[in-house]
C-alpha cells in the first residue's frame, strides 16, 4: 500500500545555504526507495483554518520503503541541513487501500465509540 512522508515546515527567510544543499541532494536519497515528490512548497489555497507554513508530500511504494528512506544513511547525512534551519514536523503515513470506503470507516468508528 502506498505510503507518504508529509512535512509541515515554517521557513524563515533568509534561508541558510545548507537548505539549498539539502534540496539539491534529497532526490538522490529517495531514488533507491522509489520516493517522489507530490507536493513541494507549493503555495496552498487555505480554505479552512490558519496556515503559516508550507507542506511537502513525498510518495513511496509502501511504508517499509518510506521508513527505510528516512532511516537511510544518505538521508540522515543531509537531514540536519534542513532540520537545523527550518522548524517543522515530519510524519510517515500509510495510504488507504484501493476502493477505500470512508462511510464504512465512519460506521465502524461510530459503533466502536457507542460500545465504549
PDB file of N, CA and C in Angstrom:
ATOM      1  N   UNK A   1       0.847  -1.170   0.000  1.00  0.00           N
ATOM      2  CA  UNK A   1       0.000   0.000   0.000  1.00  0.00           C
ATOM      3  C   UNK A   1       0.897   1.240   0.000  1.00  0.00           C
ATOM      4  N   UNK A   2       0.550   2.202  -0.783  1.00  0.00           N
ATOM      5  CA  UNK A   2       1.322   3.441  -0.884  1.00  0.00           C
ATOM      6  C   UNK A   2       1.450   4.095   0.486  1.00  0.00           C
ATOM      7  N   UNK A   3       2.593   4.720   0.730  1.00  0.00           N
ATOM      8  CA  UNK A   3       2.841   5.447   1.968  1.00  0.00           C
ATOM      9  C   UNK A   3       3.370   6.829   1.608  1.00  0.00           C
ATOM     10  N   UNK A   4       3.302   7.723   2.565  1.00  0.00           N
ATOM     11  CA  UNK A   4       3.676   9.108   2.324  1.00  0.00           C
ATOM     12  C   UNK A   4       4.523   9.641   3.460  1.00  0.00           C
ATOM     13  N   UNK A   5       5.436  10.526   3.116  1.00  0.00           N
ATOM     14  CA  UNK A   5       6.138  11.348   4.096  1.00  0.00           C
ATOM     15  C   UNK A   5       5.546  12.743   3.931  1.00  0.00           C
ATOM     16  N   UNK A   6       4.986  13.267   5.002  1.00  0.00           N
ATOM     17  CA  UNK A   6       4.358  14.585   4.983  1.00  0.00           C
ATOM     18  C   UNK A   6       5.098  15.483   5.957  1.00  0.00           C
ATOM     19  N   UNK A   7       5.535  16.624   5.466  1.00  0.00           N
ATOM     20  CA  UNK A   7       6.242  17.580   6.315  1.00  0.00           C
ATOM     21  C   UNK A   7       5.506  18.911   6.284  1.00  0.00           C
ATOM     22  N   UNK A   8       5.372  19.508   7.453  1.00  0.00           N
ATOM     23  CA  UNK A   8       4.849  20.870   7.586  1.00  0.00           C
ATOM     24  C   UNK A   8       5.984  21.694   8.162  1.00  0.00           C
ATOM     25  N   UNK A   9       6.390  22.708   7.421  1.00  0.00           N
ATOM     26  CA  UNK A   9       7.563  23.486   7.832  1.00  0.00           C
ATOM     27  C   UNK A   9       7.243  24.971   7.825  1.00  0.00           C
ATOM     28  N   UNK A  10       7.988  25.691   8.642  1.00  0.00           N
ATOM     29  CA  UNK A  10       7.823  27.141   8.718  1.00  0.00           C
ATOM     30  C   UNK A  10       9.161  27.826   8.467  1.00  0.00           C
ATOM     31  N   UNK A  11       9.556  27.876   7.197  1.00  0.00           N
ATOM     32  CA  UNK A  11      10.842  28.515   6.877  1.00  0.00           C
ATOM     33  C   UNK A  11      10.797  30.014   7.129  1.00  0.00           C
ATOM     34  N   UNK A  12      11.922  30.543   7.560  1.00  0.00           N
ATOM     35  CA  UNK A  12      12.062  31.979   7.802  1.00  0.00           C
ATOM     36  C   UNK A  12      13.203  32.503   6.944  1.00  0.00           C
ATOM     37  N   UNK A  13      12.902  33.411   6.024  1.00  0.00           N
ATOM     38  CA  UNK A  13      13.991  33.958   5.197  1.00  0.00           C
ATOM     39  C   UNK A  13      14.923  34.815   6.044  1.00  0.00           C
ATOM     40  N   UNK A  14      16.168  34.935   5.661  1.00  0.00           N
ATOM     41  CA  UNK A  14      16.790  34.276   4.517  1.00  0.00           C
ATOM     42  C   UNK A  14      17.130  32.828   4.866  1.00  0.00           C
ATOM     43  N   UNK A  15      17.033  31.946   3.883  1.00  0.00           N
ATOM     44  CA  UNK A  15      17.349  30.540   4.108  1.00  0.00           C
ATOM     45  C   UNK A  15      18.859  30.345   4.154  1.00  0.00           C
ATOM     46  N   UNK A  16      19.274  29.496   5.073  1.00  0.00           N
ATOM     47  CA  UNK A  16      20.690  29.134   5.208  1.00  0.00           C
ATOM     48  C   UNK A  16      21.107  28.346   3.966  1.00  0.00           C
ATOM     49  N   UNK A  17      22.350  28.471   3.545  1.00  0.00           N
ATOM     50  CA  UNK A  17      22.840  27.770   2.365  1.00  0.00           C
ATOM     51  C   UNK A  17      22.681  26.255   2.498  1.00  0.00           C
ATOM     52  N   UNK A  18      22.732  25.716   3.719  1.00  0.00           N
ATOM     53  CA  UNK A  18      22.540  24.284   3.932  1.00  0.00           C
ATOM     54  C   UNK A  18      21.191  23.807   3.395  1.00  0.00           C
ATOM     55  N   UNK A  19      20.175  24.661   3.471  1.00  0.00           N
ATOM     56  CA  UNK A  19      18.848  24.294   2.976  1.00  0.00           C
ATOM     57  C   UNK A  19      18.912  24.046   1.472  1.00  0.00           C
ATOM     58  N   UNK A  20      19.643  24.869   0.753  1.00  0.00           N
ATOM     59  CA  UNK A  20      19.768  24.696  -0.696  1.00  0.00           C
ATOM     60  C   UNK A  20      20.543  23.421  -1.028  1.00  0.00           C
ATOM     61  N   UNK A  21      21.585  23.134  -0.255  1.00  0.00           N
ATOM     62  CA  UNK A  21      22.343  21.887  -0.451  1.00  0.00           C
ATOM     63  C   UNK A  21      21.423  20.694  -0.205  1.00  0.00           C
ATOM     64  N   UNK A  22      20.639  20.746   0.868  1.00  0.00           N
ATOM     65  CA  UNK A  22      19.662  19.695   1.177  1.00  0.00           C
ATOM     66  C   UNK A  22      18.726  19.479  -0.006  1.00  0.00           C
ATOM     67  N   UNK A  23      18.181  20.567  -0.542  1.00  0.00           N
ATOM     68  CA  UNK A  23      17.253  20.459  -1.665  1.00  0.00           C
ATOM     69  C   UNK A  23      17.929  19.859  -2.896  1.00  0.00           C
ATOM     70  N   UNK A  24      19.179  20.186  -3.095  1.00  0.00           N
ATOM     71  CA  UNK A  24      19.915  19.664  -4.242  1.00  0.00           C
ATOM     72  C   UNK A  24      20.234  18.175  -4.103  1.00  0.00           C
ATOM     73  N   UNK A  25      20.215  17.670  -2.867  1.00  0.00           N
ATOM     74  CA  UNK A  25      20.639  16.284  -2.632  1.00  0.00           C
ATOM     75  C   UNK A  25      19.511  15.333  -2.252  1.00  0.00           C
ATOM     76  N   UNK A  26      18.344  15.830  -1.861  1.00  0.00           N
ATOM     77  CA  UNK A  26      17.318  14.941  -1.308  1.00  0.00           C
ATOM     78  C   UNK A  26      16.813  13.908  -2.311  1.00  0.00           C
ATOM     79  N   UNK A  27      16.631  14.280  -3.567  1.00  0.00           N
ATOM     80  CA  UNK A  27      16.079  13.315  -4.523  1.00  0.00           C
ATOM     81  C   UNK A  27      16.969  12.081  -4.647  1.00  0.00           C
ATOM     82  N   UNK A  28      18.278  12.272  -4.634  1.00  0.00           N
ATOM     83  CA  UNK A  28      19.176  11.112  -4.750  1.00  0.00           C
ATOM     84  C   UNK A  28      19.048  10.181  -3.553  1.00  0.00           C
ATOM     85  N   UNK A  29      18.591  10.696  -2.392  1.00  0.00           N
ATOM     86  CA  UNK A  29      18.371   9.823  -1.232  1.00  0.00           C
ATOM     87  C   UNK A  29      17.059   9.061  -1.368  1.00  0.00           C
ATOM     88  N   UNK A  30      16.108   9.601  -2.113  1.00  0.00           N
ATOM     89  CA  UNK A  30      14.788   8.979  -2.277  1.00  0.00           C
ATOM     90  C   UNK A  30      14.763   7.949  -3.395  1.00  0.00           C
ATOM     91  N   UNK A  31      15.585   8.138  -4.417  1.00  0.00           N
ATOM     92  CA  UNK A  31      15.544   7.280  -5.604  1.00  0.00           C
ATOM     93  C   UNK A  31      15.633   5.781  -5.291  1.00  0.00           C
ATOM     94  N   UNK A  32      16.542   5.342  -4.424  1.00  0.00           N
ATOM     95  CA  UNK A  32      16.630   3.892  -4.166  1.00  0.00           C
ATOM     96  C   UNK A  32      15.374   3.307  -3.510  1.00  0.00           C
ATOM     97  N   UNK A  33      14.521   4.167  -2.971  1.00  0.00           N
ATOM     98  CA  UNK A  33      13.331   3.715  -2.256  1.00  0.00           C
ATOM     99  C   UNK A  33      12.039   4.021  -3.021  1.00  0.00           C
ATOM    100  N   UNK A  34      12.176   4.493  -4.247  1.00  0.00           N
ATOM    101  CA  UNK A  34      11.003   4.779  -5.077  1.00  0.00           C
ATOM    102  C   UNK A  34      10.244   6.016  -4.659  1.00  0.00           C
ATOM    103  N   UNK A  35      10.903   6.935  -3.959  1.00  0.00           N
ATOM    104  CA  UNK A  35      10.231   8.146  -3.490  1.00  0.00           C
ATOM    105  C   UNK A  35      10.136   9.206  -4.567  1.00  0.00           C
ATOM    106  N   UNK A  36       9.005   9.922  -4.551  1.00  0.00           N
ATOM    107  CA  UNK A  36       8.844  11.037  -5.484  1.00  0.00           C
ATOM    108  C   UNK A  36       8.012  12.118  -4.837  1.00  0.00           C
ATOM    109  N   UNK A  37       8.361  13.352  -5.149  1.00  0.00           N
ATOM    110  CA  UNK A  37       7.623  14.488  -4.611  1.00  0.00           C
ATOM    111  C   UNK A  37       6.254  14.576  -5.267  1.00  0.00           C
ATOM    112  N   UNK A  38       5.234  14.770  -4.456  1.00  0.00           N
ATOM    113  CA  UNK A  38       3.890  15.075  -4.947  1.00  0.00           C
ATOM    114  C   UNK A  38       3.579  16.547  -4.718  1.00  0.00           C
ATOM    115  N   UNK A  39       4.076  17.079  -3.613  1.00  0.00           N
ATOM    116  CA  UNK A  39       3.920  18.497  -3.274  1.00  0.00           C
ATOM    117  C   UNK A  39       5.237  18.948  -2.679  1.00  0.00           C
ATOM    118  N   UNK A  40       5.702  20.131  -3.110  1.00  0.00           N
ATOM    119  CA  UNK A  40       6.937  20.658  -2.531  1.00  0.00           C
ATOM    120  C   UNK A  40       6.867  22.173  -2.499  1.00  0.00           C
ATOM    121  N   UNK A  41       6.409  22.707  -1.385  1.00  0.00           N
ATOM    122  CA  UNK A  41       6.423  24.142  -1.183  1.00  0.00           C
ATOM    123  C   UNK A  41       5.443  24.933  -2.034  1.00  0.00           C
ATOM    124  N   UNK A  42       4.528  24.246  -2.703  1.00  0.00           N
ATOM    125  CA  UNK A  42       3.527  24.946  -3.496  1.00  0.00           C
ATOM    126  C   UNK A  42       2.662  25.786  -2.573  1.00  0.00           C
ATOM    127  N   UNK A  43       2.438  27.060  -2.897  1.00  0.00           N
ATOM    128  CA  UNK A  43       1.568  27.864  -2.025  1.00  0.00           C
ATOM    129  C   UNK A  43       0.173  27.256  -1.956  1.00  0.00           C
ATOM    130  N   UNK A  44      -0.295  26.928  -0.750  1.00  0.00           N
ATOM    131  CA  UNK A  44      -1.606  26.303  -0.632  1.00  0.00           C
ATOM    132  C   UNK A  44      -2.730  27.329  -0.735  1.00  0.00           C
ATOM    133  N   UNK A  45      -3.857  26.869  -1.166  1.00  0.00           N
ATOM    134  CA  UNK A  45      -5.086  27.664  -1.087  1.00  0.00           C
ATOM    135  C   UNK A  45      -5.744  27.269   0.226  1.00  0.00           C
ATOM    136  N   UNK A  46      -5.645  28.125   1.217  1.00  0.00           N
ATOM    137  CA  UNK A  46      -6.170  27.818   2.541  1.00  0.00           C
ATOM    138  C   UNK A  46      -7.681  28.050   2.521  1.00  0.00           C
ATOM    139  N   UNK A  47      -8.436  26.976   2.721  1.00  0.00           N
ATOM    140  CA  UNK A  47      -9.893  27.079   2.702  1.00  0.00           C
ATOM    141  C   UNK A  47     -10.500  26.894   4.085  1.00  0.00           C
ATOM    142  N   UNK A  48      -9.659  26.497   5.051  1.00  0.00           N
ATOM    143  CA  UNK A  48     -10.161  26.296   6.405  1.00  0.00           C
ATOM    144  C   UNK A  48      -9.000  26.372   7.385  1.00  0.00           C
ATOM    145  N   UNK A  49      -9.127  27.168   8.415  1.00  0.00           N
ATOM    146  CA  UNK A  49      -8.120  27.239   9.455  1.00  0.00           C
ATOM    147  C   UNK A  49      -6.898  28.044   9.073  1.00  0.00           C
ATOM    148  N   UNK A  50      -6.050  28.325  10.077  1.00  0.00           N
ATOM    149  CA  UNK A  50      -4.840  29.115   9.821  1.00  0.00           C
ATOM    150  C   UNK A  50      -3.720  28.269   9.235  1.00  0.00           C
ATOM    151  N   UNK A  51      -2.855  28.914   8.508  1.00  0.00           N
ATOM    152  CA  UNK A  51      -1.671  28.255   7.968  1.00  0.00           C
ATOM    153  C   UNK A  51      -0.569  29.293   7.857  1.00  0.00           C
ATOM    154  N   UNK A  52       0.568  28.983   8.449  1.00  0.00           N
ATOM    155  CA  UNK A  52       1.677  29.931   8.404  1.00  0.00           C
ATOM    156  C   UNK A  52       2.943  29.290   7.868  1.00  0.00           C
ATOM    157  N   UNK A  53       2.830  28.108   7.295  1.00  0.00           N
ATOM    158  CA  UNK A  53       4.000  27.416   6.800  1.00  0.00           C
ATOM    159  C   UNK A  53       3.765  26.855   5.418  1.00  0.00           C
ATOM    160  N   UNK A  54       4.460  25.766   5.134  1.00  0.00           N
ATOM    161  CA  UNK A  54       4.358  25.120   3.834  1.00  0.00           C
ATOM    162  C   UNK A  54       4.374  23.613   4.015  1.00  0.00           C
ATOM    163  N   UNK A  55       3.895  22.911   3.014  1.00  0.00           N
ATOM    164  CA  UNK A  55       3.842  21.451   3.056  1.00  0.00           C
ATOM    165  C   UNK A  55       4.749  20.843   2.005  1.00  0.00           C
ATOM    166  N   UNK A  56       5.239  19.658   2.343  1.00  0.00           N
ATOM    167  CA  UNK A  56       5.960  18.812   1.402  1.00  0.00           C
ATOM    168  C   UNK A  56       5.327  17.432   1.536  1.00  0.00           C
ATOM    169  N   UNK A  57       4.991  16.819   0.397  1.00  0.00           N
ATOM    170  CA  UNK A  57       4.398  15.486   0.389  1.00  0.00           C
ATOM    171  C   UNK A  57       5.192  14.611  -0.574  1.00  0.00           C
ATOM    172  N   UNK A  58       5.721  13.505  -0.037  1.00  0.00           N
ATOM    173  CA  UNK A  58       6.523  12.572  -0.818  1.00  0.00           C
ATOM    174  C   UNK A  58       5.820  11.217  -0.801  1.00  0.00           C
ATOM    175  N   UNK A  59       5.710  10.599  -1.964  1.00  0.00           N
ATOM    176  CA  UNK A  59       5.065   9.295  -2.092  1.00  0.00           C
ATOM    177  C   UNK A  59       6.114   8.196  -2.179  1.00  0.00           C
ATOM    178  N   UNK A  60       5.848   7.080  -1.503  1.00  0.00           N
ATOM    179  CA  UNK A  60       6.683   5.887  -1.562  1.00  0.00           C
ATOM    180  C   UNK A  60       5.804   4.691  -1.898  1.00  0.00           C
ATOM    181  N   UNK A  61       6.383   3.647  -2.479  1.00  0.00           N
ATOM    182  CA  UNK A  61       5.576   2.480  -2.832  1.00  0.00           C
ATOM    183  C   UNK A  61       4.901   1.816  -1.636  1.00  0.00           C
ATOM    184  N   UNK A  62       5.551   1.874  -0.466  1.00  0.00           N
ATOM    185  CA  UNK A  62       4.964   1.271   0.730  1.00  0.00           C
ATOM    186  C   UNK A  62       5.648   1.839   1.974  1.00  0.00           C
ATOM    187  N   UNK A  63       5.100   1.486   3.128  1.00  0.00           N
ATOM    188  CA  UNK A  63       5.603   2.011   4.396  1.00  0.00           C
ATOM    189  C   UNK A  63       7.033   1.569   4.677  1.00  0.00           C
ATOM    190  N   UNK A  64       7.356   0.328   4.352  1.00  0.00           N
ATOM    191  CA  UNK A  64       8.724  -0.151   4.591  1.00  0.00           C
ATOM    192  C   UNK A  64       9.748   0.692   3.829  1.00  0.00           C
ATOM    193  N   UNK A  65       9.424   1.047   2.596  1.00  0.00           N
ATOM    194  CA  UNK A  65      10.344   1.874   1.802  1.00  0.00           C
ATOM    195  C   UNK A  65      10.432   3.289   2.374  1.00  0.00           C
ATOM    196  N   UNK A  66       9.316   3.835   2.839  1.00  0.00           N
ATOM    197  CA  UNK A  66       9.330   5.173   3.441  1.00  0.00           C
ATOM    198  C   UNK A  66      10.202   5.182   4.697  1.00  0.00           C
ATOM    199  N   UNK A  67      10.027   4.175   5.540  1.00  0.00           N
ATOM    200  CA  UNK A  67      10.836   4.079   6.764  1.00  0.00           C
ATOM    201  C   UNK A  67      12.320   3.884   6.429  1.00  0.00           C
ATOM    202  N   UNK A  68      12.574   3.014   5.446  1.00  0.00           N
ATOM    203  CA  UNK A  68      13.966   2.746   5.066  1.00  0.00           C
ATOM    204  C   UNK A  68      14.626   4.000   4.511  1.00  0.00           C
ATOM    205  N   UNK A  69      13.886   4.783   3.716  1.00  0.00           N
ATOM    206  CA  UNK A  69      14.443   6.047   3.208  1.00  0.00           C
ATOM    207  C   UNK A  69      14.785   6.974   4.365  1.00  0.00           C
ATOM    208  N   UNK A  70      13.832   7.183   5.295  1.00  0.00           N
ATOM    209  CA  UNK A  70      14.066   8.126   6.386  1.00  0.00           C
ATOM    210  C   UNK A  70      15.252   7.704   7.243  1.00  0.00           C
ATOM    211  N   UNK A  71      15.385   6.402   7.461  1.00  0.00           N
ATOM    212  CA  UNK A  71      16.470   5.880   8.306  1.00  0.00           C
ATOM    213  C   UNK A  71      17.784   5.706   7.551  1.00  0.00           C
ATOM    214  N   UNK A  72      17.765   5.859   6.238  1.00  0.00           N
ATOM    215  CA  UNK A  72      18.974   5.591   5.440  1.00  0.00           C
ATOM    216  C   UNK A  72      20.125   6.528   5.818  1.00  0.00           C
ATOM    217  N   UNK A  73      21.318   6.016   5.680  1.00  0.00           N
ATOM    218  CA  UNK A  73      22.497   6.828   5.942  1.00  0.00           C
ATOM    219  C   UNK A  73      22.520   8.065   5.048  1.00  0.00           C
ATOM    220  N   UNK A  74      22.128   7.893   3.794  1.00  0.00           N
ATOM    221  CA  UNK A  74      22.160   9.015   2.847  1.00  0.00           C
ATOM    222  C   UNK A  74      21.231  10.142   3.289  1.00  0.00           C
ATOM    223  N   UNK A  75      20.025   9.790   3.743  1.00  0.00           N
ATOM    224  CA  UNK A  75      19.104  10.848   4.171  1.00  0.00           C
ATOM    225  C   UNK A  75      19.520  11.417   5.528  1.00  0.00           C
ATOM    226  N   UNK A  76      19.906  10.571   6.446  1.00  0.00           N
ATOM    227  CA  UNK A  76      20.315  11.055   7.760  1.00  0.00           C
ATOM    228  C   UNK A  76      21.516  11.992   7.659  1.00  0.00           C
ATOM    229  N   UNK A  77      22.351  11.788   6.656  1.00  0.00           N
ATOM    230  CA  UNK A  77      23.510  12.669   6.456  1.00  0.00           C
ATOM    231  C   UNK A  77      23.081  14.100   6.111  1.00  0.00           C
ATOM    232  N   UNK A  78      22.017  14.244   5.314  1.00  0.00           N
ATOM    233  CA  UNK A  78      21.607  15.591   4.902  1.00  0.00           C
ATOM    234  C   UNK A  78      20.483  16.176   5.764  1.00  0.00           C
ATOM    235  N   UNK A  79      19.792  15.349   6.527  1.00  0.00           N
ATOM    236  CA  UNK A  79      18.653  15.826   7.328  1.00  0.00           C
ATOM    237  C   UNK A  79      18.979  17.036   8.204  1.00  0.00           C
ATOM    238  N   UNK A  80      20.103  17.071   8.922  1.00  0.00           N
ATOM    239  CA  UNK A  80      20.384  18.239   9.760  1.00  0.00           C
ATOM    240  C   UNK A  80      20.461  19.550   8.971  1.00  0.00           C
ATOM    241  N   UNK A  81      20.806  19.480   7.700  1.00  0.00           N
ATOM    242  CA  UNK A  81      20.877  20.701   6.888  1.00  0.00           C
ATOM    243  C   UNK A  81      19.529  21.401   6.825  1.00  0.00           C
ATOM    244  N   UNK A  82      18.453  20.610   6.798  1.00  0.00           N
ATOM    245  CA  UNK A  82      17.116  21.184   6.793  1.00  0.00           C
ATOM    246  C   UNK A  82      16.599  21.361   8.216  1.00  0.00           C
ATOM    247  N   UNK A  83      16.682  20.314   9.010  1.00  0.00           N
ATOM    248  CA  UNK A  83      16.087  20.335  10.347  1.00  0.00           C
ATOM    249  C   UNK A  83      16.707  21.400  11.259  1.00  0.00           C
ATOM    250  N   UNK A  84      17.982  21.681  11.106  1.00  0.00           N
ATOM    251  CA  UNK A  84      18.638  22.693  11.934  1.00  0.00           C
ATOM    252  C   UNK A  84      18.299  24.118  11.491  1.00  0.00           C
ATOM    253  N   UNK A  85      17.687  24.255  10.327  1.00  0.00           N
ATOM    254  CA  UNK A  85      17.451  25.584   9.768  1.00  0.00           C
ATOM    255  C   UNK A  85      15.989  25.924   9.482  1.00  0.00           C
ATOM    256  N   UNK A  86      15.138  24.909   9.434  1.00  0.00           N
ATOM    257  CA  UNK A  86      13.714  25.155   9.193  1.00  0.00           C
ATOM    258  C   UNK A  86      12.912  24.346  10.207  1.00  0.00           C
ATOM    259  N   UNK A  87      12.220  25.008  11.137  1.00  0.00           N
ATOM    260  CA  UNK A  87      11.385  24.281  12.085  1.00  0.00           C
ATOM    261  C   UNK A  87      10.248  23.574  11.354  1.00  0.00           C
ATOM    262  N   UNK A  88       9.875  22.415  11.878  1.00  0.00           N
ATOM    263  CA  UNK A  88       8.762  21.716  11.264  1.00  0.00           C
ATOM    264  C   UNK A  88       8.540  20.351  11.869  1.00  0.00           C
ATOM    265  N   UNK A  89       7.565  19.666  11.310  1.00  0.00           N
ATOM    266  CA  UNK A  89       7.184  18.329  11.737  1.00  0.00           C
ATOM    267  C   UNK A  89       7.098  17.445  10.505  1.00  0.00           C
ATOM    268  N   UNK A  90       7.625  16.232  10.603  1.00  0.00           N
ATOM    269  CA  UNK A  90       7.529  15.271   9.511  1.00  0.00           C
ATOM    270  C   UNK A  90       6.916  13.994  10.052  1.00  0.00           C
ATOM    271  N   UNK A  91       5.967  13.440   9.304  1.00  0.00           N
ATOM    272  CA  UNK A  91       5.321  12.192   9.686  1.00  0.00           C
ATOM    273  C   UNK A  91       5.331  11.243   8.492  1.00  0.00           C
ATOM    274  N   UNK A  92       5.296   9.947   8.783  1.00  0.00           N
ATOM    275  CA  UNK A  92       5.114   8.926   7.759  1.00  0.00           C
ATOM    276  C   UNK A  92       3.691   8.398   7.904  1.00  0.00           C
ATOM    277  N   UNK A  93       2.997   8.287   6.776  1.00  0.00           N
ATOM    278  CA  UNK A  93       1.590   7.893   6.785  1.00  0.00           C
ATOM    279  C   UNK A  93       1.332   6.769   5.802  1.00  0.00           C
ATOM    280  N   UNK A  94       0.526   5.792   6.221  1.00  0.00           N
ATOM    281  CA  UNK A  94       0.041   4.791   5.280  1.00  0.00           C
ATOM    282  C   UNK A  94      -1.066   5.410   4.451  1.00  0.00           C
ATOM    283  N   UNK A  95      -1.085   5.090   3.173  1.00  0.00           N
ATOM    284  CA  UNK A  95      -2.199   5.486   2.331  1.00  0.00           C
ATOM    285  C   UNK A  95      -3.384   4.562   2.589  1.00  0.00           C
ATOM    286  N   UNK A  96      -4.485   4.827   1.944  1.00  0.00           N
ATOM    287  CA  UNK A  96      -5.655   3.954   2.070  1.00  0.00           C
ATOM    288  C   UNK A  96      -5.622   2.925   0.949  1.00  0.00           C
ATOM    289  N   UNK A  97      -6.219   1.762   1.174  1.00  0.00           N
ATOM    290  CA  UNK A  97      -6.220   0.737   0.135  1.00  0.00           C
ATOM    291  C   UNK A  97      -7.129   1.131  -1.032  1.00  0.00           C
ATOM    292  N   UNK A  98      -6.967   0.444  -2.160  1.00  0.00           N
ATOM    293  CA  UNK A  98      -7.879   0.703  -3.284  1.00  0.00           C
ATOM    294  C   UNK A  98      -9.327   0.477  -2.843  1.00  0.00           C
ATOM    295  N   UNK A  99     -10.218   1.228  -3.390  1.00  0.00           N
ATOM    296  CA  UNK A  99     -11.652   1.119  -3.080  1.00  0.00           C
ATOM    297  C   UNK A  99     -11.970   1.415  -1.619  1.00  0.00           C
ATOM    298  N   UNK A 100     -11.179   2.260  -0.989  1.00  0.00           N
ATOM    299  CA  UNK A 100     -11.421   2.654   0.405  1.00  0.00           C
ATOM    300  C   UNK A 100     -12.813   3.258   0.537  1.00  0.00           C
ATOM    301  N   UNK A 101     -13.523   2.865   1.586  1.00  0.00           N
ATOM    302  CA  UNK A 101     -14.895   3.334   1.825  1.00  0.00           C
ATOM    303  C   UNK A 101     -14.929   4.118   3.129  1.00  0.00           C
ATOM    304  N   UNK A 102     -14.889   5.424   3.026  1.00  0.00           N
ATOM    305  CA  UNK A 102     -14.875   6.267   4.229  1.00  0.00           C
ATOM    306  C   UNK A 102     -16.186   6.141   5.008  1.00  0.00           C
ATOM    307  N   UNK A 103     -17.303   5.913   4.327  1.00  0.00           N
ATOM    308  CA  UNK A 103     -18.579   5.750   5.026  1.00  0.00           C
ATOM    309  C   UNK A 103     -18.538   4.510   5.921  1.00  0.00           C
ATOM    310  N   UNK A 104     -17.970   3.414   5.436  1.00  0.00           N
ATOM    311  CA  UNK A 104     -17.849   2.201   6.245  1.00  0.00           C
ATOM    312  C   UNK A 104     -16.943   2.455   7.447  1.00  0.00           C
ATOM    313  N   UNK A 105     -15.875   3.211   7.242  1.00  0.00           N
ATOM    314  CA  UNK A 105     -14.991   3.558   8.353  1.00  0.00           C
ATOM    315  C   UNK A 105     -15.757   4.370   9.391  1.00  0.00           C
ATOM    316  N   UNK A 106     -16.545   5.336   8.946  1.00  0.00           N
ATOM    317  CA  UNK A 106     -17.354   6.142   9.862  1.00  0.00           C
ATOM    318  C   UNK A 106     -18.331   5.293  10.662  1.00  0.00           C
ATOM    319  N   UNK A 107     -18.995   4.342   9.996  1.00  0.00           N
ATOM    320  CA  UNK A 107     -19.937   3.455  10.695  1.00  0.00           C
ATOM    321  C   UNK A 107     -19.216   2.602  11.730  1.00  0.00           C
ATOM    322  N   UNK A 108     -18.029   2.088  11.372  1.00  0.00           N
ATOM    323  CA  UNK A 108     -17.269   1.270  12.308  1.00  0.00           C
ATOM    324  C   UNK A 108     -16.804   2.080  13.505  1.00  0.00           C
ATOM    325  N   UNK A 109     -16.354   3.292  13.271  1.00  0.00           N
ATOM    326  CA  UNK A 109     -15.934   4.165  14.385  1.00  0.00           C
ATOM    327  C   UNK A 109     -17.102   4.535  15.284  1.00  0.00           C
ATOM    328  N   UNK A 110     -18.267   4.800  14.672  1.00  0.00           N
ATOM    329  CA  UNK A 110     -19.464   5.113  15.460  1.00  0.00           C
ATOM    330  C   UNK A 110     -19.830   3.934  16.354  1.00  0.00           C
ATOM    331  N   UNK A 111     -19.805   2.714  15.786  1.00  0.00           N
ATOM    332  CA  UNK A 111     -20.147   1.528  16.547  1.00  0.00           C
ATOM    333  C   UNK A 111     -19.149   1.288  17.675  1.00  0.00           C
ATOM    334  N   UNK A 112     -17.869   1.464  17.404  1.00  0.00           N
ATOM    335  CA  UNK A 112     -16.843   1.270  18.425  1.00  0.00           C
ATOM    336  C   UNK A 112     -16.991   2.294  19.543  1.00  0.00           C
ATOM    337  N   UNK A 113     -17.296   3.539  19.189  1.00  0.00           N
ATOM    338  CA  UNK A 113     -17.482   4.574  20.214  1.00  0.00           C
ATOM    339  C   UNK A 113     -18.712   4.279  21.060  1.00  0.00           C
ATOM    340  N   UNK A 114     -19.783   3.817  20.439  1.00  0.00           N
ATOM    341  CA  UNK A 114     -21.010   3.501  21.176  1.00  0.00           C
ATOM    342  C   UNK A 114     -20.790   2.329  22.123  1.00  0.00           C
ATOM    343  N   UNK A 115     -19.939   1.407  21.735  1.00  0.00           N
ATOM    344  CA  UNK A 115     -19.662   0.222  22.556  1.00  0.00           C
ATOM    345  C   UNK A 115     -18.769   0.571  23.747  1.00  0.00           C
ATOM    346  N   UNK A 116     -18.171   1.741  23.696  1.00  0.00           N
ATOM    347  CA  UNK A 116     -17.353   2.207  24.803  1.00  0.00           C
ATOM    348  C   UNK A 116     -15.970   1.745  24.739  1.00  0.00           C
TER     349      UNK A 116
END
